[in-house]
Amino acid sequence: MGKWTTISLPKRLTGDIKQFAEEVGYWNSVSAFVREATIEKLNRERARLRAAGEEEPDLESIQAYIKPIVDELHKRRTEG
């Protein structure tokens, strides 16, 4: 397996991210923004779990939790 993987995001969300990144001028690509946002989210969730005394979930559990949310967002964006 290679070092990188591909993910799918709704086009509208990607457009929003691209526009924001260009306005702010900090991120040079959608990928850079998403990578940083994902790392920040993982760090926040890990800290929240530690503070609550919960065991950190494995990657498969995180993916299973996130997938329905992403699917619903995608559905809303494509219908709207």
C-alpha atoms as a PDB file:
ATOM      1  CA  MET A   1       0.000   0.000   0.000  1.00  0.00           C
ATOM      2  CA  GLY A   2       1.304   3.437  -0.930  1.00  0.00           C
ATOM      3  CA  LYS A   3       1.996   6.360   1.338  1.00  0.00           C
ATOM      4  CA  TRP A   4      -1.080   8.322   0.194  1.00  0.00           C
ATOM      5  CA  THR A   5      -4.742   7.544  -0.293  1.00  0.00           C
ATOM      6  CA  THR A   6      -7.623   9.240  -2.035  1.00  0.00           C
ATOM      7  CA  ILE A   7     -10.806  10.377  -0.310  1.00  0.00           C
ATOM      8  CA  SER A   8     -14.031  11.702  -1.744  1.00  0.00           C
ATOM      9  CA  LEU A   9     -15.650  14.930  -0.666  1.00  0.00           C
ATOM     10  CA  PRO A  10     -18.764  16.559  -2.056  1.00  0.00           C
ATOM     11  CA  LYS A  11     -17.837  19.036  -4.799  1.00  0.00           C
ATOM     12  CA  ARG A  12     -19.655  21.861  -3.045  1.00  0.00           C
ATOM     13  CA  LEU A  13     -17.681  21.286   0.162  1.00  0.00           C
ATOM     14  CA  THR A  14     -14.446  21.118  -1.808  1.00  0.00           C
ATOM     15  CA  GLY A  15     -15.380  24.392  -3.498  1.00  0.00           C
ATOM     16  CA  ASP A  16     -16.103  26.035  -0.142  1.00  0.00           C
ATOM     17  CA  ILE A  17     -12.750  24.863   1.217  1.00  0.00           C
ATOM     18  CA  LYS A  18     -10.895  26.042  -1.898  1.00  0.00           C
ATOM     19  CA  GLN A  19     -12.530  29.474  -1.765  1.00  0.00           C
ATOM     20  CA  PHE A  20     -11.773  29.843   1.955  1.00  0.00           C
ATOM     21  CA  ALA A  21      -8.157  28.706   1.520  1.00  0.00           C
ATOM     22  CA  GLU A  22      -7.664  31.219  -1.300  1.00  0.00           C
ATOM     23  CA  GLU A  23      -9.242  34.048   0.720  1.00  0.00           C
ATOM     24  CA  VAL A  24      -7.110  33.350   3.772  1.00  0.00           C
ATOM     25  CA  GLY A  25      -3.993  32.554   1.756  1.00  0.00           C
ATOM     26  CA  TYR A  26      -2.613  30.136   4.340  1.00  0.00           C
ATOM     27  CA  TRP A  27      -3.248  26.763   2.698  1.00  0.00           C
ATOM     28  CA  ASN A  28      -1.940  26.163  -0.806  1.00  0.00           C
ATOM     29  CA  SER A  29      -4.461  23.420  -1.609  1.00  0.00           C
ATOM     30  CA  VAL A  30      -7.691  21.762  -0.527  1.00  0.00           C
ATOM     31  CA  SER A  31      -5.620  18.726   0.474  1.00  0.00           C
ATOM     32  CA  ALA A  32      -3.438  20.798   2.801  1.00  0.00           C
ATOM     33  CA  PHE A  33      -6.507  22.266   4.506  1.00  0.00           C
ATOM     34  CA  VAL A  34      -8.252  18.898   4.872  1.00  0.00           C
ATOM     35  CA  ARG A  35      -5.074  17.226   6.169  1.00  0.00           C
ATOM     36  CA  GLU A  36      -4.598  19.909   8.838  1.00  0.00           C
ATOM     37  CA  ALA A  37      -8.291  19.933   9.785  1.00  0.00           C
ATOM     38  CA  THR A  38      -8.296  16.148  10.121  1.00  0.00           C
ATOM     39  CA  ILE A  39      -5.212  16.142  12.338  1.00  0.00           C
ATOM     40  CA  GLU A  40      -6.748  18.845  14.550  1.00  0.00           C
ATOM     41  CA  LYS A  41     -10.023  16.912  14.810  1.00  0.00           C
ATOM     42  CA  LEU A  42      -8.238  13.676  15.731  1.00  0.00           C
ATOM     43  CA  ASN A  43      -6.202  15.482  18.392  1.00  0.00           C
ATOM     44  CA  ARG A  44      -9.342  17.096  19.882  1.00  0.00           C
ATOM     45  CA  GLU A  45     -11.216  13.804  19.965  1.00  0.00           C
ATOM     46  CA  ARG A  46      -8.266  11.969  21.526  1.00  0.00           C
ATOM     47  CA  ALA A  47      -7.987  14.657  24.206  1.00  0.00           C
ATOM     48  CA  ARG A  48     -11.739  14.500  24.841  1.00  0.00           C
ATOM     49  CA  LEU A  49     -11.602  10.728  25.234  1.00  0.00           C
ATOM     50  CA  ARG A  50      -8.629  10.934  27.602  1.00  0.00           C
ATOM     51  CA  ALA A  51     -10.392  13.587  29.693  1.00  0.00           C
ATOM     52  CA  ALA A  52     -13.508  11.421  29.880  1.00  0.00           C
ATOM     53  CA  GLY A  53     -11.424   8.393  30.807  1.00  0.00           C
ATOM     54  CA  GLU A  54     -12.573   6.550  27.713  1.00  0.00           C
ATOM     55  CA  GLU A  55     -10.454   4.215  25.660  1.00  0.00           C
ATOM     56  CA  GLU A  56      -9.332   5.637  22.335  1.00  0.00           C
ATOM     57  CA  PRO A  57     -11.154   3.915  19.472  1.00  0.00           C
ATOM     58  CA  ASP A  58      -9.302   2.193  16.676  1.00  0.00           C
ATOM     59  CA  LEU A  59      -9.286   3.635  13.165  1.00  0.00           C
ATOM     60  CA  GLU A  60     -12.033   1.297  11.946  1.00  0.00           C
ATOM     61  CA  SER A  61     -14.344   2.524  14.711  1.00  0.00           C
ATOM     62  CA  ILE A  62     -13.649   6.133  13.777  1.00  0.00           C
ATOM     63  CA  GLN A  63     -14.338   5.428  10.102  1.00  0.00           C
ATOM     64  CA  ALA A  64     -17.574   3.602  10.960  1.00  0.00           C
ATOM     65  CA  TYR A  65     -18.667   6.588  13.063  1.00  0.00           C
ATOM     66  CA  ILE A  66     -17.791   9.204  10.442  1.00  0.00           C
ATOM     67  CA  LYS A  67     -19.086   7.437   7.301  1.00  0.00           C
ATOM     68  CA  PRO A  68     -22.834   7.936   7.968  1.00  0.00           C
ATOM     69  CA  ILE A  69     -22.211  11.606   8.735  1.00  0.00           C
ATOM     70  CA  VAL A  70     -20.281  12.136   5.507  1.00  0.00           C
ATOM     71  CA  ASP A  71     -22.881  10.164   3.546  1.00  0.00           C
ATOM     72  CA  GLU A  72     -25.684  12.318   4.967  1.00  0.00           C
ATOM     73  CA  LEU A  73     -23.791  15.533   4.165  1.00  0.00           C
ATOM     74  CA  HIS A  74     -23.197  14.292   0.639  1.00  0.00           C
ATOM     75  CA  LYS A  75     -26.879  13.399   0.260  1.00  0.00           C
ATOM     76  CA  ARG A  76     -27.971  16.850   1.451  1.00  0.00           C
ATOM     77  CA  ARG A  77     -25.558  18.634  -0.854  1.00  0.00           C
ATOM     78  CA  THR A  78     -26.547  16.634  -3.925  1.00  0.00           C
ATOM     79  CA  GLU A  79     -30.273  17.027  -3.242  1.00  0.00           C
ATOM     80  CA  GLY A  80     -30.053  20.727  -2.386  1.00  0.00           C
END
